[in-house]
Protein backbone atom coordinates (compact mmCIF):
# COMPACT_ATOMS: atom_id res chain seq x y z
CA MET A 1 8.41 29.46 4.51
CA GLU A 2 11.33 26.37 4.47
CA LEU A 3 10.08 23.30 5.03
CA LYS A 4 11.61 21.10 7.10
CA ARG A 5 12.81 17.87 5.87
CA VAL A 6 10.81 14.38 6.26
CA VAL A 7 12.64 11.24 6.91
CA VAL A 8 11.54 7.56 7.80
CA THR A 9 12.74 6.44 10.93
CA GLY A 10 10.63 2.83 11.46
CA ILE A 11 9.17 0.26 9.46
CA GLY A 12 6.15 -2.35 10.47
CA ALA A 13 4.34 -4.81 7.39
CA LEU A 14 1.69 -7.31 8.05
CA THR A 15 1.79 -8.89 4.19
CA PRO A 16 0.62 -12.22 2.33
CA ILE A 17 3.99 -12.53 2.07
CA GLY A 18 5.25 -12.11 5.41
CA ASN A 19 4.05 -11.03 9.05
CA SER A 20 6.93 -8.61 9.82
CA PHE A 21 9.20 -6.39 7.48
CA GLN A 22 11.93 -7.95 7.89
CA SER A 23 9.93 -11.40 6.40
CA TYR A 24 7.81 -9.09 4.05
CA TRP A 25 11.57 -8.11 2.26
CA GLU A 26 12.92 -11.57 2.43
CA SER A 27 10.18 -12.87 0.44
CA LEU A 28 10.04 -9.90 -1.72
CA VAL A 29 13.45 -10.48 -2.95
CA GLY A 30 12.72 -14.02 -3.04
CA GLY A 31 9.84 -13.94 -5.43
CA VAL A 32 7.55 -15.77 -3.47
CA SER A 33 3.72 -15.97 -4.55
CA GLY A 34 1.66 -15.12 -1.62
CA ALA A 35 -1.71 -16.50 -3.94
CA ALA A 36 -3.65 -19.09 -2.35
CA PRO A 37 -7.02 -20.19 -2.31
CA ILE A 38 -9.56 -18.49 -0.08
CA THR A 39 -9.81 -19.21 3.86
CA LEU A 40 -11.74 -16.44 5.15
CA PHE A 41 -14.99 -17.32 3.75
CA ASP A 42 -16.29 -19.90 1.27
CA ALA A 43 -15.32 -19.17 -1.89
CA SER A 44 -16.45 -22.87 -4.14
CA LEU A 45 -19.35 -20.74 -5.64
CA PHE A 46 -17.54 -17.28 -6.69
CA LYS A 47 -15.70 -16.59 -10.26
CA THR A 48 -12.59 -16.52 -8.12
CA ARG A 49 -11.32 -18.30 -5.92
CA PHE A 50 -8.45 -17.19 -4.37
CA ALA A 51 -6.57 -14.11 -3.37
CA CYS A 52 -3.18 -13.11 -1.24
CA GLU A 53 -4.26 -13.74 2.63
CA VAL A 54 -2.22 -12.56 5.48
CA LYS A 55 -1.34 -16.08 6.81
CA ASN A 56 -1.05 -17.59 10.34
CA PHE A 57 -2.47 -13.90 12.21
CA ASN A 58 -4.48 -14.79 15.16
CA ALA A 59 -5.50 -11.52 16.80
CA GLU A 60 -6.17 -12.87 20.23
CA ASP A 61 -2.13 -13.52 19.81
CA HIS A 62 -1.99 -9.74 19.94
CA PHE A 63 -4.96 -8.61 21.71
CA ASP A 64 -6.92 -9.82 24.12
CA ARG A 65 -9.97 -11.90 23.26
CA LYS A 66 -12.44 -8.56 24.71
CA GLU A 67 -9.69 -6.29 22.50
CA ALA A 68 -9.96 -8.23 19.20
CA ARG A 69 -13.90 -8.36 19.13
CA LYS A 70 -14.38 -4.84 19.03
CA MET A 71 -12.14 -4.33 16.03
CA ASP A 72 -11.96 -5.54 12.51
CA ARG A 73 -9.81 -7.53 10.50
CA CYS A 74 -8.52 -4.22 8.83
CA GLY A 75 -8.40 -2.68 12.02
CA GLN A 76 -6.78 -5.97 13.81
CA LEU A 77 -3.58 -5.67 10.87
CA GLY A 78 -3.44 -1.83 10.82
CA VAL A 79 -2.41 -2.11 14.60
CA VAL A 80 -0.07 -4.94 14.85
CA ALA A 81 1.84 -3.18 11.51
CA ALA A 82 2.14 0.20 13.63
CA ARG A 83 3.66 -1.53 16.72
CA GLU A 84 6.50 -2.89 14.65
CA ALA A 85 7.44 0.66 13.22
CA VAL A 86 6.74 2.19 15.81
CA ALA A 87 8.95 -0.44 18.36
CA HIS A 88 11.45 -0.24 14.73
CA SER A 89 11.73 3.35 15.48
CA GLY A 90 12.89 3.10 19.04
CA LEU A 91 10.45 6.54 19.16
CA LEU A 92 9.30 5.38 22.84
CA ASP A 93 12.92 5.05 23.87
CA SER A 94 13.13 9.26 23.62
CA ASN A 95 11.61 11.88 25.71
CA VAL A 96 8.69 12.28 22.09
CA ASN A 97 6.20 14.92 22.52
CA LYS A 98 3.35 12.90 22.49
CA GLU A 99 1.26 16.10 21.45
CA ARG A 100 3.53 16.57 18.27
CA VAL A 101 2.98 13.12 17.31
CA GLY A 102 -0.32 11.99 14.61
CA VAL A 103 -1.70 9.44 13.03
CA ILE A 104 -2.05 9.82 9.69
CA TRP A 105 -4.03 6.31 7.64
CA GLY A 106 -5.13 5.10 4.86
CA SER A 107 -7.18 2.60 3.89
CA GLY A 108 -10.33 2.62 1.11
CA ILE A 109 -13.01 0.10 2.76
CA GLY A 110 -12.06 -0.32 6.20
CA GLY A 111 -14.59 -2.66 7.94
CA ILE A 112 -16.35 -4.04 5.02
CA LYS A 113 -16.78 -8.04 7.00
CA THR A 114 -18.13 -6.19 9.86
CA PHE A 115 -20.15 -4.42 7.64
CA GLU A 116 -21.17 -8.13 5.61
CA GLU A 117 -22.15 -9.87 9.35
CA GLU A 118 -24.11 -7.50 10.81
CA VAL A 119 -26.54 -6.29 8.11
CA SER A 120 -26.45 -10.07 7.03
CA ASN A 121 -27.64 -11.18 10.27
CA PHE A 122 -30.37 -7.91 10.17
CA ALA A 123 -31.63 -9.50 6.96
CA THR A 124 -32.14 -12.81 8.20
CA GLY A 125 -33.39 -12.10 11.49
CA ASN A 126 -36.61 -11.62 12.39
CA GLY A 127 -36.62 -7.91 11.06
CA THR A 128 -35.40 -6.82 14.49
CA PRO A 129 -32.41 -4.01 14.41
CA ARG A 130 -30.31 -5.87 17.66
CA PHE A 131 -27.00 -4.37 15.66
CA ASN A 132 -23.64 -5.11 17.93
CA PRO A 133 -23.05 -2.10 19.87
CA PHE A 134 -19.68 -2.11 18.25
CA PHE A 135 -21.18 -2.11 14.68
CA ILE A 136 -19.70 1.04 13.64
CA PRO A 137 -16.65 2.09 15.40
CA LYS A 138 -15.59 -1.97 13.95
CA MET A 139 -16.83 -0.66 10.46
CA ILE A 140 -15.73 2.90 9.91
CA ALA A 141 -12.53 3.57 8.42
CA ASP A 142 -10.68 6.38 10.03
CA ILE A 143 -11.24 4.04 13.27
CA THR A 144 -7.26 2.54 12.93
CA PRO A 145 -5.98 6.17 13.59
CA GLY A 146 -7.91 6.23 16.29
CA HIS A 147 -6.45 2.70 17.76
CA ILE A 148 -3.26 3.27 17.26
CA SER A 149 -3.68 6.97 18.83
CA MET A 150 -5.36 5.32 21.84
CA GLU A 151 -2.71 2.67 22.41
CA PHE A 152 0.44 4.97 22.11
CA GLY A 153 -0.69 8.36 23.80
CA PHE A 154 -0.34 10.50 19.93
CA MET A 155 -2.19 13.20 20.36
CA GLY A 156 -1.46 14.78 17.30
CA PRO A 157 -3.04 15.13 14.15
CA ASN A 158 -5.29 11.82 13.58
CA TYR A 159 -7.66 10.61 10.55
CA THR A 160 -7.86 9.13 7.56
CA THR A 161 -7.57 9.38 3.69
CA VAL A 162 -9.96 7.31 1.70
CA SER A 163 -9.15 7.38 -1.52
CA ALA A 164 -9.14 3.87 -3.29
CA CYS A 165 -6.64 2.21 -4.39
CA ALA A 166 -4.92 5.64 -3.88
CA SER A 167 -5.62 5.61 -0.01
CA SER A 168 -2.39 4.80 2.16
CA THR A 169 0.05 7.10 -0.12
CA ASN A 170 -2.10 10.10 0.36
CA ALA A 171 -1.92 9.15 4.21
CA LEU A 172 1.62 9.13 3.16
CA ILE A 173 1.74 12.76 1.80
CA ASP A 174 -0.81 14.39 4.00
CA ALA A 175 1.60 12.65 6.82
CA SER A 176 5.00 14.62 5.23
CA MET A 177 3.08 17.58 4.64
CA LEU A 178 2.14 18.65 8.30
CA ILE A 179 5.63 17.67 9.03
CA ARG A 180 6.97 19.84 6.35
CA LEU A 181 5.06 22.67 7.27
CA GLY A 182 5.86 22.55 11.13
CA LYS A 183 2.66 21.25 12.37
CA ALA A 184 3.90 17.42 13.95
CA ASP A 185 7.29 16.44 14.54
CA VAL A 186 6.67 12.91 13.78
CA ILE A 187 3.74 10.70 12.06
CA VAL A 188 2.93 7.05 11.95
CA SER A 189 1.59 6.85 8.69
CA GLY A 190 0.20 3.51 6.32
CA GLY A 191 -2.61 1.96 5.74
CA SER A 192 -4.50 -1.58 5.85
CA GLU A 193 -6.89 -3.96 4.34
CA ALA A 194 -8.53 -6.27 4.80
CA ALA A 195 -11.56 -6.86 1.99
CA VAL A 196 -11.29 -10.72 1.05
CA THR A 197 -15.05 -10.87 2.17
CA ALA A 198 -17.88 -12.79 0.15
CA ALA A 199 -18.69 -9.26 -1.15
CA SER A 200 -15.81 -7.15 -1.98
CA ILE A 201 -14.61 -10.94 -4.00
CA GLY A 202 -17.92 -11.23 -5.30
CA GLY A 203 -18.00 -6.84 -6.54
CA PHE A 204 -15.09 -6.93 -8.18
CA ASN A 205 -15.76 -10.43 -9.77
CA ALA A 206 -18.89 -8.69 -11.17
CA MET A 207 -16.92 -6.31 -12.73
CA HIS A 208 -14.34 -8.41 -14.71
CA ALA A 209 -11.76 -7.25 -12.12
CA LEU A 210 -10.34 -10.20 -10.81
CA SER A 211 -8.56 -12.90 -11.93
CA VAL A 212 -10.06 -15.94 -12.69
CA ARG A 213 -7.04 -18.32 -12.73
CA ASN A 214 -8.43 -20.70 -10.22
CA ASP A 215 -6.41 -23.69 -11.55
CA ASP A 216 -2.80 -21.43 -11.21
CA PRO A 217 -3.35 -19.20 -8.16
CA LYS A 218 0.33 -18.57 -7.59
CA THR A 219 0.52 -17.25 -11.05
CA ALA A 220 -2.66 -15.06 -11.28
CA SER A 221 -0.84 -12.08 -10.62
CA ARG A 222 0.84 -11.29 -13.76
CA PRO A 223 2.00 -7.78 -14.26
CA PHE A 224 3.01 -6.67 -18.07
CA ASP A 225 2.56 -10.15 -18.67
CA LYS A 226 0.54 -10.55 -22.21
CA ASP A 227 -2.07 -13.53 -20.37
CA ARG A 228 -3.12 -11.23 -17.25
CA ASP A 229 -6.45 -11.68 -16.66
CA GLY A 230 -6.58 -9.02 -13.38
CA PHE A 231 -5.71 -8.47 -10.55
CA VAL A 232 -5.46 -10.70 -7.32
CA MET A 233 -7.25 -9.41 -3.89
CA GLY A 234 -4.62 -8.68 -0.96
CA GLU A 235 -5.21 -7.72 2.12
CA GLY A 236 -2.54 -6.20 4.63
CA ALA A 237 -1.17 -3.65 6.45
CA ALA A 238 2.09 -1.87 6.08
CA ALA A 239 3.07 1.11 8.49
CA VAL A 240 5.93 4.24 8.03
CA ILE A 241 7.15 6.50 10.79
CA LEU A 242 7.58 9.68 9.93
CA GLU A 243 9.74 12.36 11.28
CA GLU A 244 11.48 15.72 10.99
CA TYR A 245 14.87 15.79 10.19
CA GLU A 246 16.15 17.43 13.14
CA HIS A 247 14.11 15.83 15.07
CA ALA A 248 15.21 12.49 14.00
CA LYS A 249 19.06 13.48 14.53
CA ALA A 250 18.51 14.69 17.94
CA ARG A 251 16.87 11.93 19.79
CA GLY A 252 19.72 9.63 18.07
CA ALA A 253 17.45 7.99 15.74
CA THR A 254 18.40 5.71 12.53
CA ILE A 255 17.23 7.12 8.97
CA TYR A 256 16.51 4.58 6.19
CA ALA A 257 15.39 7.27 3.95
CA GLU A 258 14.48 10.55 3.55
CA LEU A 259 10.83 11.16 1.67
CA ILE A 260 11.62 14.06 -0.66
CA GLY A 261 8.47 14.06 -2.36
CA GLY A 262 4.46 13.66 -3.28
CA GLY A 263 2.03 14.26 -6.32
CA MET A 264 -1.11 13.92 -6.95
CA SER A 265 -3.57 14.43 -9.89
CA ALA A 266 -6.94 13.34 -11.15
CA ASP A 267 -7.41 11.36 -14.61
CA ALA A 268 -10.96 13.01 -14.80
CA HIS A 269 -11.78 10.22 -17.54
CA HIS A 270 -13.80 7.49 -16.36
CA LEU A 271 -15.18 5.42 -12.77
CA THR A 272 -12.78 2.44 -13.33
CA ALA A 273 -10.60 2.60 -16.18
CA PRO A 274 -7.67 4.87 -16.46
CA HIS A 275 -7.13 7.25 -19.41
CA PRO A 276 -5.91 5.23 -22.04
CA GLU A 277 -2.42 7.13 -22.74
CA GLY A 278 -1.61 7.92 -19.08
CA LEU A 279 -2.23 11.25 -18.49
CA GLY A 280 -3.45 11.50 -15.16
CA ALA A 281 -0.30 8.34 -14.40
CA PHE A 282 2.33 11.68 -16.10
CA ASN A 283 0.84 14.11 -14.48
CA VAL A 284 1.19 12.45 -10.73
CA MET A 285 4.81 11.65 -11.13
CA ARG A 286 5.49 14.99 -12.54
CA ASN A 287 3.67 16.41 -10.05
CA ALA A 288 6.08 14.27 -7.29
CA LEU A 289 9.38 15.52 -8.96
CA GLU A 290 8.35 18.94 -8.99
CA ASP A 291 7.87 18.28 -5.52
CA ALA A 292 10.92 17.35 -4.81
CA ARG A 293 12.64 19.46 -6.62
CA ILE A 294 14.96 17.05 -8.80
CA GLN A 295 14.90 16.10 -12.12
CA PRO A 296 13.68 12.82 -13.82
CA GLU A 297 17.29 11.37 -14.74
CA GLU A 298 17.62 10.77 -10.86
CA VAL A 299 15.09 8.26 -10.40
CA ASN A 300 16.55 5.21 -10.83
CA HIS A 301 13.56 2.43 -9.47
CA ILE A 302 10.14 2.62 -9.84
CA ASN A 303 7.10 0.58 -7.48
CA MET A 304 4.82 0.82 -10.55
CA HIS A 305 0.94 0.53 -9.39
CA GLY A 306 1.10 -2.24 -11.90
CA THR A 307 -1.86 -4.49 -10.81
CA SER A 308 -2.15 -7.09 -13.54
CA THR A 309 -4.89 -5.05 -15.61
CA PRO A 310 -4.91 -5.17 -19.35
CA LEU A 311 -5.31 -1.78 -19.40
CA GLY A 312 -3.78 -0.29 -16.32
CA ASP A 313 -0.27 -1.86 -17.42
CA ILE A 314 -0.12 -0.42 -20.95
CA ALA A 315 -0.83 3.36 -19.57
CA GLU A 316 1.05 3.32 -16.97
CA SER A 317 4.35 2.12 -18.71
CA LYS A 318 3.04 4.86 -21.91
CA ALA A 319 3.22 7.65 -18.77
CA VAL A 320 6.67 6.67 -17.56
CA GLN A 321 7.81 7.23 -20.70
CA LYS A 322 6.52 10.20 -21.98
CA LEU A 323 7.66 11.56 -18.53
CA PHE A 324 11.49 10.09 -18.80
CA GLY A 325 11.65 9.76 -22.25
CA ASP A 326 15.41 8.04 -23.12
CA HIS A 327 15.83 7.54 -19.35
CA ALA A 328 13.00 5.27 -19.04
CA TYR A 329 15.16 2.44 -20.10
CA ASN A 330 18.23 3.21 -17.53
CA ILE A 331 15.32 3.03 -14.69
CA GLN A 332 14.51 -0.49 -12.66
CA ILE A 333 10.89 -1.11 -12.92
CA ASN A 334 9.11 -3.76 -11.14
CA SER A 335 5.09 -4.29 -9.53
CA THR A 336 5.17 -5.63 -6.18
CA LYS A 337 1.85 -7.07 -6.91
CA SER A 338 2.53 -9.91 -8.75
CA MET A 339 3.60 -11.58 -5.28
CA THR A 340 1.71 -9.25 -2.78
CA GLY A 341 -1.96 -9.42 -4.74
CA HIS A 342 -3.66 -5.73 -4.77
CA LEU A 343 -4.21 -4.45 -1.53
CA LEU A 344 -6.47 -1.65 -2.23
CA GLY A 345 -6.49 0.76 0.31
CA ALA A 346 -2.87 -0.53 1.80
CA ALA A 347 -1.34 -0.69 -1.59
CA GLY A 348 0.66 2.93 -0.92
CA ALA A 349 1.76 1.80 2.25
CA ILE A 350 3.11 -1.62 1.17
CA GLU A 351 4.29 -0.83 -2.05
CA ALA A 352 6.32 2.34 0.08
CA VAL A 353 7.64 0.06 2.32
CA ALA A 354 9.17 -2.33 -0.60
CA ALA A 355 10.48 1.39 -1.96
CA VAL A 356 12.15 1.76 0.75
CA GLY A 357 13.98 -1.57 1.52
CA SER A 358 14.80 -0.96 -1.91
CA ILE A 359 17.00 1.95 -0.76
CA ILE A 360 18.23 0.01 2.15
CA HIS A 361 19.23 -2.95 0.49
CA ASN A 362 20.38 -1.95 -2.91
CA LYS A 363 18.25 -4.52 -4.60
CA VAL A 364 15.33 -4.32 -6.39
CA PRO A 365 12.76 -7.50 -5.87
CA PRO A 366 11.11 -9.12 -8.59
CA THR A 367 7.60 -8.71 -11.27
CA ILE A 368 6.97 -12.42 -11.37
CA ASN A 369 4.71 -14.73 -13.59
CA HIS A 370 6.52 -12.91 -16.38
CA PHE A 371 6.21 -15.95 -19.50
CA THR A 372 4.78 -14.21 -21.98
CA ASP A 373 6.15 -10.63 -23.91
CA ASP A 374 3.16 -8.22 -24.54
CA GLU A 375 3.71 -6.45 -27.70
CA ASN A 376 1.65 -3.45 -26.38
CA LEU A 377 4.46 -3.08 -24.01
CA ASP A 378 8.28 -1.73 -24.95
CA SER A 379 10.46 -5.17 -24.90
CA LYS A 380 13.34 -2.44 -23.81
CA LEU A 381 11.78 -1.21 -20.58
CA ASN A 382 13.40 -3.00 -17.57
CA PHE A 383 10.94 -4.82 -15.67
CA THR A 384 12.49 -6.69 -13.62
CA PHE A 385 11.16 -10.36 -14.43
CA ASN A 386 11.41 -12.79 -12.51
CA GLU A 387 14.79 -12.06 -10.66
CA ALA A 388 16.06 -9.42 -8.21
CA VAL A 389 18.56 -7.18 -8.95
CA ASP A 390 21.40 -5.45 -7.45
CA LEU A 391 21.01 -1.60 -7.78
CA GLU A 392 22.45 1.15 -6.23
CA VAL A 393 18.92 2.43 -5.48
CA ASN A 394 19.15 6.32 -4.84
CA VAL A 395 16.12 7.49 -5.79
CA ALA A 396 12.87 5.16 -5.79
CA MET A 397 9.71 6.04 -6.68
CA SER A 398 6.53 3.91 -5.89
CA ASN A 399 2.49 4.93 -7.74
CA THR A 400 -0.84 4.28 -6.29
CA PHE A 401 -3.86 5.00 -8.86
CA GLY A 402 -7.83 4.18 -7.75
CA PHE A 403 -11.02 4.00 -9.20
CA GLY A 404 -12.49 7.10 -9.63
CA GLY A 405 -8.57 8.30 -11.25
CA HIS A 406 -7.75 8.95 -7.80
CA ASN A 407 -3.51 9.13 -8.44
CA ALA A 408 -0.61 9.99 -5.67
CA CYS A 409 3.14 9.40 -6.03
CA VAL A 410 5.74 9.32 -3.70
CA VAL A 411 9.23 9.80 -4.01
CA PHE A 412 11.93 8.73 -1.75
CA ARG A 413 15.93 9.38 -1.05
CA LYS A 414 18.51 7.55 -0.02
CA ILE A 415 20.29 9.50 3.24
């Protein structure tokens, strides 16, 4: 069976450094940090008191009040990003068969804010179980693609992937496989997360996973820097329209890139720490290249997982060197988490969008906040420190790794 080709025909983004794909891209290239003191809850007693929040987002600017109250912030962010991607694609201007248009989404946690509020209200009440009737629909991680499908009438495959920080990359892989197999013509895919909440920040603080650089939030996310002390929590959403190549051509769609492969693997090592030699990261990138049917030497840009954690950055860099050999020094590497923070389950989506942006614009955004070289990292690797680099990006890879040892990787090519 000959597999069909999958292309990107629409993009949407709602991020800590831009509320549209265009503004997000401009901030990426400009090296803008999205970190600032937390405003979404009182974090004054927490070890970490800053995060990368989406700025200037008012749900009632996008939904009527009644609809907004039925959705957790995670769902609201996701729907808004999907709207931009759908509009960008021009999909609704063509005579598309909506029974063959699906929505496959990724979220690691889903409606955690709703869960916190409802359980807290119950715990501080008189014990009478009076829960909001929308508690469950707002909380469950799979509800965002439901909202998107209902808004546009898309009746194809519809579900959410949950694999911690690899969730939305897994969504992209699932979506591409369904199109390649002829099960759908178009799939809206991406991810959303809204985990700047008391339980989330407190929980990650308890694990010593978050940066505690409260005196200088904007420089707290420091991937590959010797003095990195943990990741910075981010929130937001991104969406891409994945479409079968011939279908896109037939309707005259603008094609921004081709998704040529995806890889998956497990570390099988530790609940939260990566394999020290990056074995799972090596395997997932190798699997992605095999699926894409390209040679390692064809890759010239990697958007790394690069969370700014002491162990993770080293393990991933080792994996890149092991897989690519001497060619690793020819690859322009970056971590956009230095600007957006870590969006957990939505990280793969916003970073895939960044990789596609690099293909479109022939520019690699910087890894900002680099001050001190880490002697445990090879200084000959091109980490794109502090300044964007002009580069004809022909093949871009995007890595995401999650707690539990979940690894996912996607590969895009200029078309």
